[in-house]
Protein backbone atom coordinates (compact mmCIF):
# COMPACT_ATOMS: atom_id res chain seq x y z
CA MET A 1 -153.70 -42.50 -8.99
CA VAL A 2 -153.46 -38.83 -7.44
CA GLU A 3 -150.51 -37.54 -6.86
CA PRO A 4 -149.38 -36.66 -3.31
CA LEU A 5 -150.52 -33.23 -2.25
CA TRP A 6 -146.70 -32.05 -1.94
CA ARG A 7 -146.17 -33.03 -5.45
CA ARG A 8 -149.26 -31.08 -6.73
CA LEU A 9 -148.96 -27.83 -4.54
CA GLY A 10 -145.88 -25.56 -3.12
CA ALA A 11 -142.72 -24.79 -4.98
CA HIS A 12 -141.62 -27.88 -8.42
CA VAL A 13 -138.61 -26.56 -10.48
CA VAL A 14 -139.48 -27.68 -13.85
CA SER A 15 -137.68 -26.63 -17.47
CA GLY A 16 -137.45 -22.92 -17.62
CA GLY A 17 -138.66 -21.89 -13.58
CA VAL A 18 -140.08 -23.30 -11.36
CA ASP A 19 -144.28 -24.36 -11.04
CA VAL A 20 -146.48 -22.43 -7.46
CA GLY A 21 -149.73 -23.72 -6.33
CA VAL A 22 -151.55 -22.97 -3.08
CA TRP A 23 -154.71 -23.86 -1.54
CA ALA A 24 -156.90 -20.38 -0.91
CA PRO A 25 -160.43 -20.74 -1.95
CA ARG A 26 -161.59 -17.08 0.05
CA ALA A 27 -158.72 -14.75 -1.44
CA SER A 28 -159.14 -12.37 -4.20
CA ALA A 29 -155.88 -12.58 -5.43
CA VAL A 30 -152.45 -14.41 -4.99
CA SER A 31 -149.06 -13.64 -5.39
CA VAL A 32 -145.52 -14.61 -5.50
CA ILE A 33 -143.08 -12.08 -4.37
CA GLY A 34 -139.45 -12.50 -3.66
CA ASP A 35 -135.80 -10.49 -4.46
CA PHE A 36 -136.27 -12.06 -7.54
CA CYS A 37 -139.42 -9.34 -8.09
CA ASP A 38 -138.52 -6.53 -5.77
CA TRP A 39 -141.09 -8.33 -3.68
CA ASP A 40 -143.80 -6.80 -6.46
CA ARG A 41 -147.03 -8.76 -5.77
CA ASP A 42 -148.12 -7.53 -9.54
CA ALA A 43 -145.16 -9.49 -10.86
CA HIS A 44 -145.77 -12.97 -10.99
CA PRO A 45 -149.82 -13.09 -10.05
CA LEU A 46 -151.54 -16.58 -9.89
CA THR A 47 -154.59 -17.87 -11.82
CA ARG A 48 -157.39 -19.29 -9.44
CA ASP A 49 -158.63 -23.01 -10.54
CA GLY A 50 -162.13 -23.93 -10.18
CA ASP A 51 -161.32 -25.87 -6.31
CA GLY A 52 -159.93 -23.02 -4.93
CA THR A 53 -155.71 -23.41 -5.80
CA TRP A 54 -154.43 -21.00 -7.65
CA ARG A 55 -150.78 -21.44 -9.72
CA ALA A 56 -148.25 -19.82 -12.16
CA HIS A 57 -145.48 -20.84 -13.59
CA VAL A 58 -142.27 -18.05 -12.57
CA PRO A 59 -139.94 -18.49 -14.90
CA GLY A 60 -136.23 -17.98 -13.97
CA LEU A 61 -136.73 -19.07 -10.68
CA GLY A 62 -134.66 -21.93 -9.34
CA PRO A 63 -133.54 -23.96 -6.18
CA GLY A 64 -132.32 -22.42 -3.14
CA GLU A 65 -134.54 -19.37 -4.14
CA ILE A 66 -136.72 -17.24 -1.39
CA TYR A 67 -139.55 -16.65 -1.72
CA GLN A 68 -143.21 -16.20 0.23
CA LEU A 69 -146.84 -16.21 -1.15
CA SER A 70 -148.81 -12.83 -0.86
CA VAL A 71 -152.68 -13.22 -0.32
CA ARG A 72 -155.44 -10.74 -0.96
CA ASP A 73 -158.56 -10.95 1.29
CA ALA A 74 -162.06 -10.46 -0.08
CA HIS A 75 -161.70 -7.42 1.05
CA GLY A 76 -158.45 -6.09 -0.49
CA THR A 77 -156.16 -6.67 2.52
CA TRP A 78 -153.15 -8.61 1.72
CA GLN A 79 -151.53 -10.91 3.78
CA ASP A 80 -147.54 -13.13 3.22
CA HIS A 81 -147.29 -16.05 4.31
CA ALA A 82 -144.85 -18.36 4.05
CA ASP A 83 -145.70 -21.60 1.57
CA PRO A 84 -147.93 -24.38 3.35
CA LEU A 85 -146.20 -26.54 1.22
CA ALA A 86 -142.97 -25.44 1.03
CA ARG A 87 -140.36 -28.28 1.69
CA ARG A 88 -137.61 -25.97 3.20
CA ALA A 89 -137.93 -22.82 5.10
CA GLN A 90 -135.50 -20.03 6.11
CA ILE A 91 -133.67 -19.58 9.56
CA PRO A 92 -136.27 -18.83 12.33
CA PRO A 93 -136.71 -15.72 13.12
CA GLN A 94 -136.83 -15.29 9.03
CA ARG A 95 -140.07 -16.61 7.47
CA GLY A 96 -139.35 -17.37 3.84
CA SER A 97 -139.80 -20.46 1.86
CA VAL A 98 -137.00 -21.73 0.48
CA VAL A 99 -136.62 -23.93 -3.48
CA GLU A 100 -135.86 -26.76 -2.59
CA VAL A 101 -134.76 -29.42 -5.35
CA SER A 102 -133.34 -33.04 -3.21
CA THR A 103 -129.90 -34.40 -4.64
CA HIS A 104 -129.18 -36.48 -1.39
CA VAL A 105 -128.30 -40.46 -2.22
CA TRP A 106 -129.28 -42.50 -0.41
CA GLN A 107 -127.36 -44.91 0.85
CA ASP A 108 -130.49 -47.02 3.16
CA GLU A 109 -132.21 -49.04 -0.05
CA GLU A 110 -131.24 -52.36 1.80
CA TRP A 111 -133.46 -51.04 5.62
CA MET A 112 -136.01 -49.50 3.34
CA ARG A 113 -136.75 -52.78 1.89
CA SER A 114 -136.84 -54.82 5.04
CA ARG A 115 -138.85 -52.30 7.01
CA ALA A 116 -141.74 -53.31 5.55
CA SER A 117 -141.44 -56.89 6.35
CA ARG A 118 -140.95 -55.71 10.23
CA ARG A 119 -143.12 -56.46 12.80
CA PRO A 120 -142.73 -53.83 15.71
CA HIS A 121 -144.93 -55.67 17.79
CA ALA A 122 -142.77 -58.83 18.00
CA GLU A 123 -139.34 -57.08 17.81
CA PRO A 124 -137.53 -55.52 20.22
CA MET A 125 -137.87 -52.34 20.75
CA THR A 126 -135.92 -49.14 23.34
CA THR A 127 -136.22 -45.98 22.61
CA TYR A 128 -133.90 -42.79 23.34
CA GLU A 129 -135.65 -39.61 23.02
CA VAL A 130 -133.97 -36.16 21.69
CA HIS A 131 -133.98 -32.92 21.67
CA LEU A 132 -131.52 -32.25 18.70
CA GLY A 133 -130.54 -28.78 19.72
CA SER A 134 -130.01 -29.09 22.40
CA TRP A 135 -128.27 -32.85 23.14
CA ARG A 136 -125.25 -31.03 22.45
CA ARG A 137 -125.71 -27.37 21.88
CA GLY A 138 -124.83 -25.89 18.14
CA LEU A 139 -124.65 -28.96 16.41
CA THR A 140 -125.89 -29.18 12.76
CA TYR A 141 -127.74 -32.16 11.33
CA ARG A 142 -124.47 -33.68 9.44
CA GLN A 143 -122.42 -33.26 13.09
CA LEU A 144 -125.35 -34.72 14.55
CA ALA A 145 -124.66 -37.74 12.53
CA GLU A 146 -121.27 -38.21 13.62
CA GLN A 147 -121.81 -37.95 17.31
CA LEU A 148 -125.43 -38.95 18.46
CA VAL A 149 -125.42 -41.67 15.91
CA PRO A 150 -122.17 -43.75 17.45
CA TYR A 151 -123.19 -42.07 20.67
CA VAL A 152 -127.19 -44.16 21.08
CA ALA A 153 -125.96 -47.36 18.84
CA ASP A 154 -123.29 -47.18 21.50
CA LEU A 155 -125.96 -47.77 24.28
CA GLY A 156 -127.89 -50.31 22.22
CA PHE A 157 -131.44 -48.89 21.80
CA SER A 158 -133.21 -49.59 18.90
CA HIS A 159 -135.30 -46.71 18.10
CA VAL A 160 -134.17 -43.14 18.15
CA GLU A 161 -137.36 -40.44 18.76
CA LEU A 162 -136.59 -37.06 18.25
CA MET A 163 -138.75 -33.34 19.10
CA PRO A 164 -140.23 -32.20 16.26
CA LEU A 165 -138.23 -30.79 13.43
CA THR A 166 -141.00 -29.81 11.09
CA GLU A 167 -140.57 -25.73 11.16
CA HIS A 168 -141.36 -23.54 13.88
CA PRO A 169 -140.97 -20.05 14.94
CA TYR A 170 -140.53 -19.90 18.55
CA HIS A 171 -137.24 -22.11 19.76
CA GLY A 172 -138.84 -22.18 23.53
CA SER A 173 -141.90 -24.30 21.90
CA TRP A 174 -139.40 -26.71 21.50
CA GLY A 175 -140.80 -27.76 17.97
CA TYR A 176 -144.69 -28.18 18.84
CA GLN A 177 -146.01 -25.31 17.57
CA VAL A 178 -145.96 -25.91 13.47
CA SER A 179 -145.19 -23.23 11.15
CA GLY A 180 -143.97 -25.90 7.67
CA TYR A 181 -145.56 -29.16 8.36
CA PHE A 182 -143.72 -30.25 5.37
CA ALA A 183 -139.67 -28.82 6.19
CA PRO A 184 -137.87 -29.77 8.70
CA THR A 185 -136.17 -27.31 10.66
CA ALA A 186 -133.74 -25.58 9.03
CA ARG A 187 -131.82 -24.28 12.70
CA HIS A 188 -129.71 -27.97 12.27
CA GLY A 189 -128.93 -27.48 8.26
CA THR A 190 -130.83 -27.84 4.88
CA PRO A 191 -132.94 -31.34 3.91
CA ASP A 192 -130.77 -33.06 3.27
CA ASP A 193 -128.40 -32.81 6.05
CA LEU A 194 -131.54 -34.10 7.61
CA ARG A 195 -131.62 -37.21 5.89
CA SER A 196 -128.32 -37.69 5.90
CA LEU A 197 -128.58 -37.85 9.48
CA VAL A 198 -131.07 -40.31 8.70
CA ASP A 199 -129.43 -42.30 6.38
CA ALA A 200 -126.33 -42.84 9.25
CA PHE A 201 -129.10 -44.29 11.82
CA HIS A 202 -130.52 -46.45 9.30
CA ALA A 203 -126.57 -47.64 8.34
CA ALA A 204 -126.16 -47.61 12.24
CA GLY A 205 -129.75 -49.92 12.29
CA ILE A 206 -131.23 -47.15 15.04
CA ALA A 207 -135.13 -47.05 13.62
CA VAL A 208 -135.91 -43.19 13.56
CA VAL A 209 -139.61 -42.00 14.68
CA LEU A 210 -140.42 -38.44 14.47
CA ASP A 211 -142.78 -36.52 16.64
CA TRP A 212 -145.47 -34.96 15.06
CA VAL A 213 -148.39 -32.23 15.68
CA PRO A 214 -151.16 -32.44 14.08
CA GLY A 215 -153.19 -31.20 16.76
CA HIS A 216 -153.15 -27.33 16.96
CA PHE A 217 -150.67 -24.68 14.95
CA PRO A 218 -149.44 -21.31 16.08
CA ARG A 219 -151.69 -18.07 15.29
CA ASP A 220 -148.70 -16.23 13.65
CA GLU A 221 -150.43 -13.97 10.66
CA TRP A 222 -147.87 -14.88 8.35
CA ALA A 223 -148.48 -18.73 8.42
CA LEU A 224 -151.51 -20.74 8.59
CA ALA A 225 -153.53 -18.52 10.37
CA ARG A 226 -156.15 -17.14 8.28
CA PHE A 227 -154.76 -17.99 5.09
CA ASP A 228 -156.87 -16.72 2.49
CA GLY A 229 -158.13 -13.38 4.78
CA GLU A 230 -160.60 -15.95 6.43
CA PRO A 231 -160.69 -18.79 8.62
CA LEU A 232 -159.15 -22.16 6.40
CA TYR A 233 -156.92 -24.18 8.25
CA GLU A 234 -159.26 -23.75 11.76
CA PRO A 235 -162.53 -23.83 12.58
CA PRO A 236 -164.42 -20.48 11.72
CA GLU A 237 -164.79 -18.93 15.54
CA ALA A 238 -162.39 -21.11 17.18
CA ALA A 239 -160.71 -20.78 20.32
CA LEU A 240 -157.65 -20.74 21.03
CA HIS A 241 -156.15 -23.88 23.21
CA PRO A 242 -156.19 -22.53 26.83
CA GLU A 243 -153.21 -23.67 28.07
CA TRP A 244 -151.34 -22.64 24.37
CA GLY A 245 -152.41 -20.49 22.92
CA THR A 246 -152.40 -22.28 19.53
CA LEU A 247 -155.18 -22.35 17.46
CA PRO A 248 -157.02 -26.14 16.32
CA PHE A 249 -157.24 -27.35 12.55
CA ASP A 250 -160.74 -27.45 11.48
CA LEU A 251 -161.09 -31.02 10.49
CA SER A 252 -164.31 -31.45 9.59
CA ARG A 253 -162.81 -29.66 6.06
CA PRO A 254 -161.45 -32.59 3.81
CA GLN A 255 -158.30 -30.03 2.11
CA VAL A 256 -157.52 -29.62 5.81
CA ARG A 257 -156.87 -33.62 6.80
CA GLU A 258 -155.40 -34.13 3.46
CA PHE A 259 -153.04 -31.93 4.40
CA LEU A 260 -151.93 -33.21 7.36
CA VAL A 261 -152.16 -36.59 6.64
CA ALA A 262 -149.97 -35.47 3.02
CA SER A 263 -147.15 -34.04 5.67
CA ALA A 264 -147.22 -37.92 7.30
CA LEU A 265 -146.75 -39.54 4.12
CA TYR A 266 -144.04 -36.95 3.24
CA TRP A 267 -142.08 -37.27 6.40
CA LEU A 268 -142.10 -41.15 5.72
CA GLU A 269 -141.41 -41.11 2.23
CA GLU A 270 -139.41 -38.52 1.55
CA LEU A 271 -137.34 -38.36 4.46
CA HIS A 272 -137.68 -42.33 5.74
CA VAL A 273 -138.64 -42.17 8.98
CA ASP A 274 -139.70 -45.31 10.74
CA GLY A 275 -142.75 -44.01 12.38
CA LEU A 276 -144.63 -40.81 13.93
CA ARG A 277 -145.30 -40.42 17.46
CA VAL A 278 -148.74 -38.69 17.34
CA ASP A 279 -148.34 -35.84 20.01
CA ALA A 280 -151.36 -34.79 22.41
CA VAL A 281 -154.31 -37.39 20.87
CA GLU A 282 -156.57 -36.36 23.21
CA THR A 283 -156.39 -32.73 22.30
CA ILE A 284 -157.21 -33.91 18.81
CA LEU A 285 -160.11 -36.20 20.28
CA PHE A 286 -161.51 -33.57 22.11
CA PRO A 287 -160.62 -30.28 20.86
CA PRO A 288 -161.57 -27.28 23.30
CA HIS A 289 -164.05 -25.72 20.60
CA ALA A 290 -165.90 -28.57 20.82
CA GLY A 291 -167.12 -28.19 24.67
CA GLY A 292 -165.09 -31.75 25.91
CA VAL A 293 -167.05 -34.47 23.73
CA VAL A 294 -165.10 -36.41 21.11
CA ASP A 295 -164.88 -34.72 17.47
CA PRO A 296 -166.35 -37.11 15.12
CA ALA A 297 -163.77 -35.17 12.59
CA ALA A 298 -160.83 -36.05 14.46
CA VAL A 299 -161.51 -40.00 14.89
CA GLU A 300 -162.21 -39.35 10.79
CA LEU A 301 -158.38 -37.88 10.86
CA LEU A 302 -156.65 -40.12 12.81
CA ARG A 303 -158.09 -43.49 10.94
CA GLU A 304 -157.52 -42.25 7.83
CA LEU A 305 -153.89 -41.19 8.72
CA ASN A 306 -153.10 -44.80 10.41
CA VAL A 307 -154.22 -46.76 7.59
CA ALA A 308 -152.99 -44.34 4.51
CA CYS A 309 -149.73 -44.14 6.13
CA HIS A 310 -149.57 -48.18 7.43
CA ALA A 311 -151.16 -49.09 4.05
CA ALA A 312 -147.88 -47.15 2.03
CA HIS A 313 -145.05 -47.86 4.37
CA PRO A 314 -145.53 -51.27 6.30
CA GLY A 315 -143.56 -52.22 8.79
CA ILE A 316 -143.65 -48.34 10.53
CA ALA A 317 -144.66 -47.65 13.77
CA MET A 318 -147.56 -45.16 14.62
CA ILE A 319 -147.63 -44.22 17.70
CA ALA A 320 -150.35 -42.41 19.98
CA GLU A 321 -149.04 -40.13 23.08
CA ASP A 322 -153.29 -39.87 24.03
CA ALA A 323 -153.92 -39.28 27.82
CA SER A 324 -157.30 -39.95 27.93
CA THR A 325 -159.36 -43.10 28.40
CA PHE A 326 -160.73 -43.16 24.58
CA PRO A 327 -161.00 -46.72 23.65
CA ASP A 328 -158.96 -49.17 20.89
CA VAL A 329 -156.62 -46.66 20.19
CA THR A 330 -154.09 -49.69 19.04
CA ARG A 331 -157.13 -51.45 17.34
CA PRO A 332 -156.93 -52.16 14.11
CA VAL A 333 -159.63 -49.68 11.82
CA ASP A 334 -161.37 -52.80 10.14
CA ALA A 335 -162.08 -53.85 14.18
CA GLY A 336 -163.43 -50.58 14.82
CA GLY A 337 -160.19 -49.08 16.48
CA LEU A 338 -158.02 -45.56 15.79
CA GLY A 339 -155.24 -48.20 14.23
CA PHE A 340 -152.53 -46.82 16.21
CA GLY A 341 -149.50 -48.96 16.64
CA PHE A 342 -148.92 -48.26 20.00
CA LYS A 343 -149.81 -45.82 22.70
CA TRP A 344 -147.49 -43.84 25.25
CA SER A 345 -148.65 -45.31 28.93
CA LEU A 346 -148.76 -42.17 31.22
CA GLY A 347 -151.14 -44.22 33.69
CA TRP A 348 -147.81 -46.00 33.46
CA MET A 349 -145.51 -42.49 34.28
CA HIS A 350 -147.80 -41.12 36.29
CA ASP A 351 -148.33 -43.93 39.02
CA THR A 352 -145.03 -45.43 38.81
CA LEU A 353 -143.79 -42.24 40.12
CA ARG A 354 -145.78 -41.23 42.49
CA TYR A 355 -144.93 -44.49 44.52
CA LEU A 356 -140.96 -44.07 43.87
CA VAL A 357 -141.53 -40.01 45.05
CA GLU A 358 -142.56 -41.50 48.78
CA ASP A 359 -140.23 -42.54 51.59
CA PRO A 360 -139.29 -45.49 51.66
CA LEU A 361 -141.20 -45.37 55.14
CA TRP A 362 -144.23 -44.78 53.57
CA ARG A 363 -144.45 -46.91 50.15
CA GLN A 364 -146.12 -50.28 51.40
CA ASN A 365 -149.63 -47.50 51.82
CA HIS A 366 -149.58 -47.02 48.09
CA HIS A 367 -148.25 -50.55 46.81
CA GLY A 368 -151.30 -50.65 44.69
CA LEU A 369 -149.90 -47.50 42.41
CA MET A 370 -146.96 -50.64 40.78
CA THR A 371 -149.30 -53.19 39.85
CA LEU A 372 -152.36 -51.38 39.00
CA PRO A 373 -150.83 -50.90 35.27
CA MET A 374 -151.05 -54.48 34.81
CA THR A 375 -154.38 -54.02 35.49
CA TYR A 376 -155.18 -52.71 32.17
CA ALA A 377 -151.77 -53.88 30.21
CA GLU A 378 -154.05 -55.89 28.11
CA ARG A 379 -156.36 -52.94 26.76
CA GLU A 380 -153.01 -51.33 24.64
CA HIS A 381 -150.07 -51.90 22.82
CA TRP A 382 -148.52 -49.88 25.17
CA ILE A 383 -144.96 -47.81 25.11
CA LEU A 384 -143.76 -47.09 28.78
CA PRO A 385 -142.27 -43.27 28.71
CA LEU A 386 -140.01 -41.87 30.54
CA SER A 387 -140.23 -38.62 28.41
CA HIS A 388 -139.23 -34.51 28.09
CA ASP A 389 -142.05 -34.34 30.20
CA GLU A 390 -141.28 -35.92 33.20
CA VAL A 391 -137.89 -33.16 33.77
CA VAL A 392 -139.60 -29.82 32.57
CA HIS A 393 -141.84 -27.52 34.06
CA GLY A 394 -140.20 -27.22 37.56
CA LYS A 395 -140.52 -30.99 38.07
CA GLY A 396 -137.07 -30.93 38.14
CA PRO A 397 -134.86 -33.77 37.07
CA LEU A 398 -135.70 -37.31 37.82
CA LEU A 399 -133.07 -38.07 40.62
CA ASP A 400 -134.47 -35.11 42.45
CA ARG A 401 -137.78 -36.58 42.56
CA PHE A 402 -136.54 -39.71 45.28
CA PRO A 403 -136.01 -39.44 48.66
CA GLY A 404 -132.73 -39.93 49.94
CA ASP A 405 -129.17 -38.91 49.98
CA GLU A 406 -127.21 -38.51 46.69
CA SER A 407 -126.17 -42.53 46.97
CA ALA A 408 -130.32 -43.94 47.89
CA ARG A 409 -131.93 -41.51 44.89
CA ALA A 410 -128.98 -43.24 42.61
CA ALA A 411 -130.13 -46.23 43.63
CA THR A 412 -133.97 -45.63 42.81
CA LEU A 413 -133.28 -44.59 39.42
CA ARG A 414 -131.28 -47.90 38.57
CA ALA A 415 -133.76 -50.22 40.44
CA LEU A 416 -136.98 -47.70 38.04
CA LEU A 417 -134.49 -48.61 34.51
CA ALA A 418 -134.75 -52.21 35.50
CA TRP A 419 -138.09 -52.26 35.81
CA GLN A 420 -138.92 -49.92 33.20
CA TRP A 421 -137.27 -52.23 30.47
CA ALA A 422 -138.62 -55.72 31.98
CA HIS A 423 -142.53 -54.24 32.80
CA PRO A 424 -144.95 -55.27 29.42
CA GLY A 425 -144.69 -52.45 26.99
CA ARG A 426 -141.58 -50.70 25.29
CA PRO A 427 -139.72 -48.27 27.29
CA LEU A 428 -138.72 -44.85 26.38
CA VAL A 429 -136.35 -42.40 27.70
CA PHE A 430 -135.16 -39.00 27.43
CA MET A 431 -132.09 -38.01 27.18
CA GLY A 432 -129.91 -37.59 29.70
CA THR A 433 -131.61 -40.31 31.86
CA GLU A 434 -128.63 -42.04 30.87
CA LEU A 435 -126.50 -39.54 32.64
CA GLY A 436 -128.03 -39.47 35.99
CA GLN A 437 -129.11 -35.66 35.28
CA THR A 438 -128.57 -33.49 38.06
CA ARG A 439 -130.45 -30.66 36.39
CA GLU A 440 -133.66 -29.33 35.05
CA TRP A 441 -133.71 -30.38 31.21
CA VAL A 442 -134.21 -27.04 29.35
CA HIS A 443 -133.77 -26.36 26.32
CA ARG A 444 -131.06 -23.98 25.28
CA ARG A 445 -127.86 -25.70 26.86
CA SER A 446 -126.42 -29.13 26.74
CA LEU A 447 -126.57 -31.89 28.80
CA ASP A 448 -124.56 -31.93 31.85
CA TRP A 449 -122.20 -34.41 30.34
CA GLU A 450 -119.30 -33.33 32.13
CA HIS A 451 -121.67 -34.56 35.56
CA ALA A 452 -122.42 -37.47 33.87
CA ASP A 453 -122.68 -40.57 36.17
CA PRO A 454 -120.84 -43.05 34.10
CA GLY A 455 -123.34 -46.62 36.22
CA VAL A 456 -126.27 -45.15 35.31
CA ALA A 457 -124.91 -44.70 31.07
CA ALA A 458 -123.51 -48.60 31.74
CA LEU A 459 -126.94 -50.27 33.21
CA VAL A 460 -128.65 -48.64 30.24
CA ARG A 461 -126.23 -50.23 28.13
CA ASP A 462 -126.55 -53.38 29.23
CA LEU A 463 -130.30 -53.23 29.72
CA ASN A 464 -130.71 -52.91 25.74
CA THR A 465 -127.95 -56.17 25.40
CA THR A 466 -130.10 -58.23 27.57
CA HIS A 467 -133.21 -57.44 27.22
CA ARG A 468 -132.72 -57.79 23.10
CA ALA A 469 -131.40 -61.42 23.87
CA HIS A 470 -134.60 -62.29 25.92
CA PRO A 471 -137.85 -62.63 23.73
CA ALA A 472 -139.20 -63.19 27.07
CA LEU A 473 -139.25 -59.14 26.95
CA TRP A 474 -140.25 -58.21 24.05
CA ALA A 475 -141.74 -61.08 21.54
CA GLY A 476 -145.89 -60.86 22.21
CA ASP A 477 -145.67 -57.87 24.35
CA HIS A 478 -148.87 -57.20 24.31
CA ALA A 479 -150.21 -60.51 25.20
CA VAL A 480 -150.94 -61.03 29.01
CA GLU A 481 -150.13 -65.04 28.95
CA GLY A 482 -146.39 -64.49 28.90
CA PHE A 483 -147.10 -62.46 32.03
CA ARG A 484 -147.32 -63.58 35.91
CA TRP A 485 -147.12 -62.10 39.42
CA LEU A 486 -144.94 -64.01 41.70
CA LEU A 487 -145.66 -61.59 44.35
CA GLN A 488 -147.62 -58.87 43.91
CA HIS A 489 -148.90 -58.09 47.90
CA GLU A 490 -146.06 -58.18 49.50
CA ALA A 491 -146.57 -54.25 51.00
CA SER A 492 -144.59 -54.56 54.06
CA SER A 493 -141.62 -55.33 52.82
CA ASN A 494 -142.02 -53.33 49.32
CA VAL A 495 -141.17 -56.56 47.18
CA LEU A 496 -142.41 -57.27 43.58
CA ALA A 497 -141.68 -59.85 41.01
CA PHE A 498 -142.94 -61.37 38.29
CA VAL A 499 -142.04 -64.01 35.74
CA ARG A 500 -141.86 -63.10 31.69
CA GLU A 501 -142.21 -66.26 29.22
CA HIS A 502 -141.94 -66.63 25.60
CA ALA A 503 -142.43 -70.25 24.12
CA GLY A 504 -139.91 -70.10 20.57
CA PRO A 505 -138.02 -72.67 18.47
CA ASP A 506 -135.62 -72.89 20.43
CA GLY A 507 -137.98 -73.49 23.38
CA THR A 508 -139.37 -71.13 25.99
CA ASP A 509 -137.45 -67.76 26.92
CA VAL A 510 -137.71 -67.41 31.51
CA VAL A 511 -137.00 -64.19 32.63
CA VAL A 512 -137.96 -63.49 36.94
CA VAL A 513 -137.44 -59.83 38.06
CA VAL A 514 -137.73 -58.98 41.38
CA ALA A 515 -137.67 -55.39 43.00
CA ASN A 516 -136.59 -54.46 46.64
CA LEU A 517 -138.06 -50.70 46.73
CA ALA A 518 -137.47 -50.82 50.35
CA GLY A 519 -134.83 -48.55 51.82
CA VAL A 520 -133.36 -51.85 53.62
CA ASP A 521 -131.52 -54.65 52.70
CA HIS A 522 -133.58 -58.02 52.97
CA ASP A 523 -131.90 -60.86 53.55
CA ALA A 524 -134.31 -63.23 53.77
CA SER A 525 -136.94 -62.67 50.88
CA VAL A 526 -138.08 -66.39 49.76
CA VAL A 527 -139.04 -65.73 46.15
CA PRO A 528 -141.60 -68.62 44.09
CA LEU A 529 -139.22 -69.22 41.16
CA PRO A 530 -141.50 -71.31 38.65
CA SER A 531 -139.00 -74.00 38.17
CA SER A 532 -136.42 -75.60 40.50
CA GLY A 533 -133.05 -75.89 40.34
CA ARG A 534 -130.45 -72.06 40.15
CA TRP A 535 -131.24 -69.46 38.36
CA THR A 536 -127.84 -67.10 36.98
CA VAL A 537 -128.60 -62.85 37.79
CA VAL A 538 -128.04 -61.47 35.24
CA VAL A 539 -128.41 -58.25 35.84
CA SER A 540 -128.08 -56.38 39.11
CA THR A 541 -128.88 -52.45 39.70
CA ALA A 542 -126.27 -52.71 43.11
CA ASP A 543 -124.32 -54.25 41.07
CA PRO A 544 -121.02 -52.20 41.73
CA ALA A 545 -120.23 -51.48 38.30
CA TYR A 546 -123.10 -49.28 38.07
CA GLY A 547 -122.14 -47.99 41.51
CA GLY A 548 -124.28 -50.18 43.63
CA PRO A 549 -123.36 -52.08 46.95
CA GLY A 550 -122.81 -55.51 45.50
CA GLY A 551 -125.76 -57.98 45.32
CA PRO A 552 -125.90 -62.36 44.52
CA SER A 553 -124.68 -63.35 41.43
CA SER A 554 -127.17 -66.45 41.24
CA VAL A 555 -129.68 -68.17 43.68
CA THR A 556 -131.40 -71.25 44.39
CA ALA A 557 -134.87 -72.10 44.08
CA GLY A 558 -136.59 -72.63 47.78
CA GLU A 559 -134.35 -70.53 49.04
CA PRO A 560 -133.77 -66.99 50.74
CA ILE A 561 -132.36 -64.42 48.85
CA HIS A 562 -130.31 -61.56 49.51
CA LEU A 563 -132.33 -58.53 47.81
CA PRO A 564 -130.33 -55.35 48.46
CA ALA A 565 -131.87 -51.24 49.20
CA LEU A 566 -133.52 -50.36 46.43
CA SER A 567 -132.29 -52.45 43.73
CA THR A 568 -133.72 -54.45 41.11
CA LEU A 569 -132.46 -58.20 39.40
CA TRP A 570 -133.18 -60.05 36.32
CA LEU A 571 -132.83 -64.03 36.69
CA VAL A 572 -132.72 -66.72 33.78
CA PRO A 573 -132.65 -70.08 34.70
CA GLU A 574 -128.81 -71.68 34.35
CA GLY A 575 -129.04 -74.17 31.46
CA GLY A 576 -131.63 -72.24 29.55
CA PRO A 577 -132.22 -71.02 26.57
């Protein structure tokens, strides 16, 4: 069995020193440099193997030593680089790699044993997306273990999604322009400090998903760009991404695909993360340099990635952030798909927000936006994202997107969240949503904790608790058999209603969801409930506990229901399972 790439290349402490290996097939010379040799390129030259890999043993070197790889191209020009396989890096803007040996003793053995038997499609999954640097500014990984973990646990989320922690030179990229695919960012501490954070999440029963960016990388000359003096990780004549100014990977090279798959496996195996959210899949499938057509090598990479990750780590969640219409993203590879477990439903997000930004007086003209996502619900396994992308670049906070006064905007946000949690698909919200943020997110400052709306946080907590208690809302979530519209075409009243059902060993779980998205109360709405008798309101976003005006606590089938303006209700039959 071939050893993983991160064990064959990079810097590894052995008896008497450190073994170093790097792939640079067109280099004419490679050296290891650092303070230990006064940065003398002649002190520790590497020897070339037949496959374009260079290797050396550096005696006397040990853990914590800073080093770089100096590469001479075919024309004799030297360029100093960070090690592409470095497992630790200096704090940016410093560029050195660090010899790393983990001494962390994992405490999550039971979690990792049970992970293999998990079935993400048939279990509750609600996700809190976090940018570690701005949740609260200045916290280390270990401080986040003390503060962030209990906070997420108290809110009741099953998953946390961490925006990219792979090392990156520019803080303003939020981690999406990666220079070190195997090195956790040193901004918050060491790799072992990050391991302690993951351990803490697992102890709290929370799965960790990492944003991972295999579509492009920055063109900094000290990182991956023109690594051996020629395009190596990037295609020859590679065009820069028109929006990001970054370079695509040359996925036609098997060594590049191996590098990326190894990076994914490294985070799953060595850092114990429970899944990867693969960024900008459409840019991988349709790279700018390919003229807008599908890159067959990209399809091959994504299939290799998902097969390898699922085979090595059953029970993980592989998630595609994909804005394209490429088919069968979440179909298994052996059935012709790409093999992801989930895909972000950017269509659901765009259509739902487009509807809610309209004044309630005119929403009836856009009613179909709220029902459209169910016309393609069966095509993929969906995650419903209200992510960081919706509160940046001048969009403002979610609250500011909605019309009306402060009370109406807060009511709309609460109604949206209850709709999102109950809709087929798995809900994801960006940090600060639960606070009712009133300012656009900026990565350089903390969330506005001092202006938090406690009612929104209380609602999110109750949504998670109630969602978990009702398999109708998550078991078999990809199937449409458990979903049925009860009120779909009530455009004039801005009322929508549907039922979710799931037959389990203890009987059939039933949840009815009713949303009044008009700006006025409806006192005589009749919802065709699926069975007779009384129904209990288990969630009402109009509850005074959340800042609402109040509403019904129960209803009787066949009788009119009072629906408060801008509210969503969840109903369950009295005496049901």
